[in-house]
Amino acid sequence: MRALRSVRVRIIALYMAILLLTLSTFGFVLFRDLSRRLRGDIDKLLESRAQGVADSVNAYWEAEKLEAAWACPLPRPSPKTLEELNVPLTVF
């Protein structure tokens, strides 16, 4: 009981409480700042990857459109046009 009334014990307890409060506040602020930065970095990374996927899909569909355009048969000239050009019909 007498030890709790000592000025030395009270000062040590006060300093410990101040140190605990200071370290807790510092840790909380550090955690909050780090959490915000990590979320921002993850958001940027996800956005970048999503843009890459979107670009890949768009490039794929553009290639498919070009391939489909080349796969369409060209209209064959009519025999009348070939005769006018003096092209033998055995070629076609």
N, C-alpha and C. Protein backbone atom coordinates (compact mmCIF):
# COMPACT_ATOMS: atom_id res chain seq x y z
N MET A 1 0.82 -1.20 0.00
CA MET A 1 0.00 0.00 0.00
C MET A 1 0.86 1.25 0.00
N ARG A 2 1.90 1.18 0.80
CA ARG A 2 2.76 2.35 0.88
C ARG A 2 3.48 2.59 -0.44
N ALA A 3 3.74 1.50 -1.21
CA ALA A 3 4.44 1.63 -2.48
C ALA A 3 3.58 2.38 -3.50
N LEU A 4 2.27 2.22 -3.45
CA LEU A 4 1.37 2.92 -4.39
C LEU A 4 1.27 4.40 -4.10
N ARG A 5 1.59 4.81 -2.87
CA ARG A 5 1.50 6.23 -2.52
C ARG A 5 2.81 6.97 -2.80
N SER A 6 3.83 6.22 -3.15
CA SER A 6 5.14 6.82 -3.39
C SER A 6 5.07 7.72 -4.64
N VAL A 7 5.75 8.84 -4.57
CA VAL A 7 5.80 9.77 -5.69
C VAL A 7 6.50 9.12 -6.88
N ARG A 8 7.53 8.35 -6.62
CA ARG A 8 8.28 7.69 -7.67
C ARG A 8 7.37 6.73 -8.45
N VAL A 9 6.57 5.96 -7.79
CA VAL A 9 5.67 5.01 -8.45
C VAL A 9 4.62 5.76 -9.26
N ARG A 10 4.12 6.84 -8.72
CA ARG A 10 3.11 7.63 -9.44
C ARG A 10 3.69 8.24 -10.72
N ILE A 11 4.91 8.76 -10.63
CA ILE A 11 5.55 9.36 -11.80
C ILE A 11 5.82 8.29 -12.86
N ILE A 12 6.31 7.11 -12.42
CA ILE A 12 6.56 6.02 -13.36
C ILE A 12 5.25 5.58 -14.02
N ALA A 13 4.18 5.47 -13.27
CA ALA A 13 2.88 5.09 -13.82
C ALA A 13 2.38 6.13 -14.81
N LEU A 14 2.57 7.41 -14.48
CA LEU A 14 2.15 8.48 -15.38
C LEU A 14 2.95 8.43 -16.68
N TYR A 15 4.27 8.28 -16.57
CA TYR A 15 5.11 8.18 -17.78
C TYR A 15 4.75 6.96 -18.62
N MET A 16 4.45 5.87 -17.96
CA MET A 16 4.05 4.66 -18.70
C MET A 16 2.73 4.88 -19.44
N ALA A 17 1.79 5.58 -18.77
CA ALA A 17 0.50 5.86 -19.41
C ALA A 17 0.69 6.79 -20.61
N ILE A 18 1.55 7.81 -20.45
CA ILE A 18 1.81 8.74 -21.55
C ILE A 18 2.50 8.01 -22.71
N LEU A 19 3.48 7.16 -22.39
CA LEU A 19 4.17 6.40 -23.42
C LEU A 19 3.21 5.45 -24.12
N LEU A 20 2.35 4.79 -23.39
CA LEU A 20 1.36 3.89 -23.98
C LEU A 20 0.43 4.65 -24.91
N LEU A 21 -0.05 5.78 -24.48
CA LEU A 21 -0.95 6.59 -25.31
C LEU A 21 -0.23 7.08 -26.57
N THR A 22 1.00 7.55 -26.41
CA THR A 22 1.77 8.05 -27.55
C THR A 22 2.04 6.94 -28.56
N LEU A 23 2.51 5.78 -28.10
CA LEU A 23 2.80 4.68 -29.01
C LEU A 23 1.54 4.14 -29.67
N SER A 24 0.45 4.09 -28.92
CA SER A 24 -0.82 3.63 -29.50
C SER A 24 -1.29 4.57 -30.59
N THR A 25 -1.22 5.86 -30.34
CA THR A 25 -1.63 6.85 -31.33
C THR A 25 -0.74 6.77 -32.57
N PHE A 26 0.56 6.68 -32.37
CA PHE A 26 1.49 6.57 -33.49
C PHE A 26 1.21 5.31 -34.29
N GLY A 27 0.99 4.20 -33.64
CA GLY A 27 0.70 2.94 -34.33
C GLY A 27 -0.59 3.02 -35.12
N PHE A 28 -1.61 3.64 -34.52
CA PHE A 28 -2.89 3.77 -35.21
C PHE A 28 -2.76 4.64 -36.46
N VAL A 29 -2.07 5.77 -36.33
CA VAL A 29 -1.89 6.67 -37.47
C VAL A 29 -1.07 5.98 -38.55
N LEU A 30 -0.02 5.28 -38.17
CA LEU A 30 0.81 4.57 -39.12
C LEU A 30 0.02 3.48 -39.84
N PHE A 31 -0.77 2.73 -39.11
CA PHE A 31 -1.59 1.67 -39.69
C PHE A 31 -2.60 2.24 -40.67
N ARG A 32 -3.27 3.32 -40.28
CA ARG A 32 -4.28 3.94 -41.14
C ARG A 32 -3.65 4.46 -42.43
N ASP A 33 -2.49 5.12 -42.33
CA ASP A 33 -1.83 5.65 -43.51
C ASP A 33 -1.36 4.52 -44.43
N LEU A 34 -0.76 3.50 -43.87
CA LEU A 34 -0.30 2.37 -44.66
C LEU A 34 -1.48 1.66 -45.33
N SER A 35 -2.57 1.52 -44.61
CA SER A 35 -3.76 0.87 -45.16
C SER A 35 -4.30 1.65 -46.35
N ARG A 36 -4.37 2.95 -46.23
CA ARG A 36 -4.86 3.79 -47.34
C ARG A 36 -3.95 3.70 -48.55
N ARG A 37 -2.64 3.73 -48.31
CA ARG A 37 -1.70 3.65 -49.43
C ARG A 37 -1.79 2.29 -50.13
N LEU A 38 -1.89 1.23 -49.36
CA LEU A 38 -1.98 -0.10 -49.97
C LEU A 38 -3.27 -0.25 -50.77
N ARG A 39 -4.36 0.25 -50.24
CA ARG A 39 -5.63 0.19 -50.98
C ARG A 39 -5.53 0.97 -52.28
N GLY A 40 -4.92 2.14 -52.22
CA GLY A 40 -4.75 2.94 -53.43
C GLY A 40 -3.88 2.23 -54.46
N ASP A 41 -2.79 1.62 -53.99
CA ASP A 41 -1.91 0.88 -54.91
C ASP A 41 -2.63 -0.32 -55.51
N ILE A 42 -3.40 -1.03 -54.69
CA ILE A 42 -4.13 -2.19 -55.20
C ILE A 42 -5.19 -1.75 -56.20
N ASP A 43 -5.86 -0.65 -55.91
CA ASP A 43 -6.87 -0.14 -56.84
C ASP A 43 -6.22 0.22 -58.19
N LYS A 44 -5.07 0.88 -58.13
CA LYS A 44 -4.37 1.24 -59.38
C LYS A 44 -3.93 0.00 -60.14
N LEU A 45 -3.42 -0.99 -59.40
CA LEU A 45 -2.98 -2.23 -60.04
C LEU A 45 -4.15 -2.95 -60.70
N LEU A 46 -5.27 -3.06 -60.00
CA LEU A 46 -6.44 -3.72 -60.56
C LEU A 46 -6.98 -2.96 -61.77
N GLU A 47 -6.99 -1.65 -61.68
CA GLU A 47 -7.45 -0.85 -62.81
C GLU A 47 -6.55 -1.05 -64.02
N SER A 48 -5.24 -1.10 -63.78
CA SER A 48 -4.29 -1.31 -64.86
C SER A 48 -4.48 -2.68 -65.50
N ARG A 49 -4.64 -3.71 -64.69
CA ARG A 49 -4.84 -5.05 -65.23
C ARG A 49 -6.17 -5.17 -65.96
N ALA A 50 -7.20 -4.54 -65.43
CA ALA A 50 -8.50 -4.57 -66.11
C ALA A 50 -8.41 -3.87 -67.46
N GLN A 51 -7.66 -2.77 -67.52
CA GLN A 51 -7.48 -2.07 -68.79
C GLN A 51 -6.72 -2.95 -69.77
N GLY A 52 -5.72 -3.68 -69.27
CA GLY A 52 -4.97 -4.59 -70.13
C GLY A 52 -5.85 -5.69 -70.69
N VAL A 53 -6.72 -6.24 -69.84
CA VAL A 53 -7.64 -7.28 -70.30
C VAL A 53 -8.61 -6.70 -71.33
N ALA A 54 -9.13 -5.52 -71.06
CA ALA A 54 -10.05 -4.88 -72.02
C ALA A 54 -9.36 -4.63 -73.36
N ASP A 55 -8.11 -4.17 -73.31
CA ASP A 55 -7.37 -3.94 -74.56
C ASP A 55 -7.15 -5.25 -75.30
N SER A 56 -6.85 -6.32 -74.57
CA SER A 56 -6.65 -7.63 -75.21
C SER A 56 -7.93 -8.12 -75.87
N VAL A 57 -9.04 -7.97 -75.17
CA VAL A 57 -10.32 -8.41 -75.73
C VAL A 57 -10.66 -7.59 -76.96
N ASN A 58 -10.45 -6.29 -76.89
CA ASN A 58 -10.72 -5.44 -78.05
C ASN A 58 -9.84 -5.81 -79.24
N ALA A 59 -8.56 -6.07 -78.97
CA ALA A 59 -7.66 -6.47 -80.05
C ALA A 59 -8.09 -7.81 -80.65
N TYR A 60 -8.53 -8.73 -79.81
CA TYR A 60 -9.00 -10.03 -80.29
C TYR A 60 -10.21 -9.86 -81.20
N TRP A 61 -11.17 -9.04 -80.76
CA TRP A 61 -12.38 -8.86 -81.58
C TRP A 61 -12.07 -8.12 -82.87
N GLU A 62 -11.14 -7.20 -82.84
CA GLU A 62 -10.75 -6.52 -84.08
C GLU A 62 -10.10 -7.51 -85.04
N ALA A 63 -9.26 -8.41 -84.51
CA ALA A 63 -8.64 -9.43 -85.36
C ALA A 63 -9.69 -10.37 -85.92
N GLU A 64 -10.68 -10.72 -85.11
CA GLU A 64 -11.76 -11.60 -85.58
C GLU A 64 -12.56 -10.91 -86.69
N LYS A 65 -12.80 -9.62 -86.53
CA LYS A 65 -13.54 -8.89 -87.56
C LYS A 65 -12.75 -8.86 -88.86
N LEU A 66 -11.44 -8.63 -88.77
CA LEU A 66 -10.61 -8.61 -89.98
C LEU A 66 -10.57 -9.99 -90.62
N GLU A 67 -10.45 -11.01 -89.80
CA GLU A 67 -10.41 -12.37 -90.33
C GLU A 67 -11.73 -12.73 -91.00
N ALA A 68 -12.82 -12.31 -90.39
CA ALA A 68 -14.13 -12.58 -90.99
C ALA A 68 -14.29 -11.82 -92.30
N ALA A 69 -13.76 -10.61 -92.35
CA ALA A 69 -13.85 -9.83 -93.58
C ALA A 69 -13.04 -10.48 -94.69
N TRP A 70 -11.89 -11.05 -94.39
CA TRP A 70 -11.08 -11.73 -95.39
C TRP A 70 -11.67 -13.08 -95.78
N ALA A 71 -12.43 -13.68 -94.88
CA ALA A 71 -13.01 -15.00 -95.16
C ALA A 71 -14.22 -14.90 -96.10
N CYS A 72 -14.81 -13.74 -96.20
CA CYS A 72 -15.97 -13.59 -97.08
C CYS A 72 -15.51 -13.73 -98.53
N PRO A 73 -16.20 -14.58 -99.31
CA PRO A 73 -15.79 -14.74 -100.71
C PRO A 73 -16.12 -13.48 -101.51
N LEU A 74 -15.23 -13.19 -102.41
CA LEU A 74 -15.48 -12.05 -103.28
C LEU A 74 -16.49 -12.45 -104.34
N PRO A 75 -17.27 -11.54 -104.79
CA PRO A 75 -18.24 -11.89 -105.83
C PRO A 75 -17.52 -12.27 -107.12
N ARG A 76 -17.94 -13.35 -107.70
CA ARG A 76 -17.34 -13.81 -108.96
C ARG A 76 -17.88 -12.96 -110.11
N PRO A 77 -17.04 -12.65 -111.05
CA PRO A 77 -17.53 -11.86 -112.18
C PRO A 77 -18.49 -12.69 -113.03
N SER A 78 -19.40 -12.01 -113.60
CA SER A 78 -20.39 -12.70 -114.44
C SER A 78 -19.73 -13.14 -115.76
N PRO A 79 -20.25 -14.19 -116.38
CA PRO A 79 -19.67 -14.62 -117.68
C PRO A 79 -19.71 -13.53 -118.74
N LYS A 80 -20.75 -12.67 -118.66
CA LYS A 80 -20.85 -11.61 -119.66
C LYS A 80 -19.66 -10.66 -119.52
N THR A 81 -19.27 -10.33 -118.29
CA THR A 81 -18.14 -9.44 -118.05
C THR A 81 -16.86 -10.08 -118.52
N LEU A 82 -16.72 -11.37 -118.32
CA LEU A 82 -15.51 -12.08 -118.75
C LEU A 82 -15.40 -12.09 -120.27
N GLU A 83 -16.52 -12.26 -120.95
CA GLU A 83 -16.49 -12.23 -122.41
C GLU A 83 -16.11 -10.85 -122.91
N GLU A 84 -16.58 -9.83 -122.23
CA GLU A 84 -16.24 -8.48 -122.65
C GLU A 84 -14.75 -8.20 -122.48
N LEU A 85 -14.15 -8.85 -121.49
CA LEU A 85 -12.74 -8.66 -121.25
C LEU A 85 -11.86 -9.62 -122.06
N ASN A 86 -12.49 -10.49 -122.82
CA ASN A 86 -11.80 -11.49 -123.62
C ASN A 86 -10.98 -12.43 -122.77
N VAL A 87 -11.53 -12.81 -121.62
CA VAL A 87 -10.87 -13.77 -120.73
C VAL A 87 -11.50 -15.12 -121.00
N PRO A 88 -10.67 -16.15 -121.19
CA PRO A 88 -11.25 -17.47 -121.43
C PRO A 88 -11.99 -17.97 -120.20
N LEU A 89 -13.13 -18.60 -120.39
CA LEU A 89 -13.96 -19.05 -119.28
C LEU A 89 -13.38 -20.28 -118.57
N THR A 90 -12.39 -20.89 -119.14
CA THR A 90 -11.81 -22.07 -118.50
C THR A 90 -10.97 -21.72 -117.29
N VAL A 91 -10.59 -20.48 -117.14
CA VAL A 91 -9.79 -20.04 -115.99
C VAL A 91 -10.61 -20.10 -114.73
N PHE A 92 -11.87 -19.74 -114.83
CA PHE A 92 -12.71 -19.69 -113.65
C PHE A 92 -13.51 -20.93 -113.60
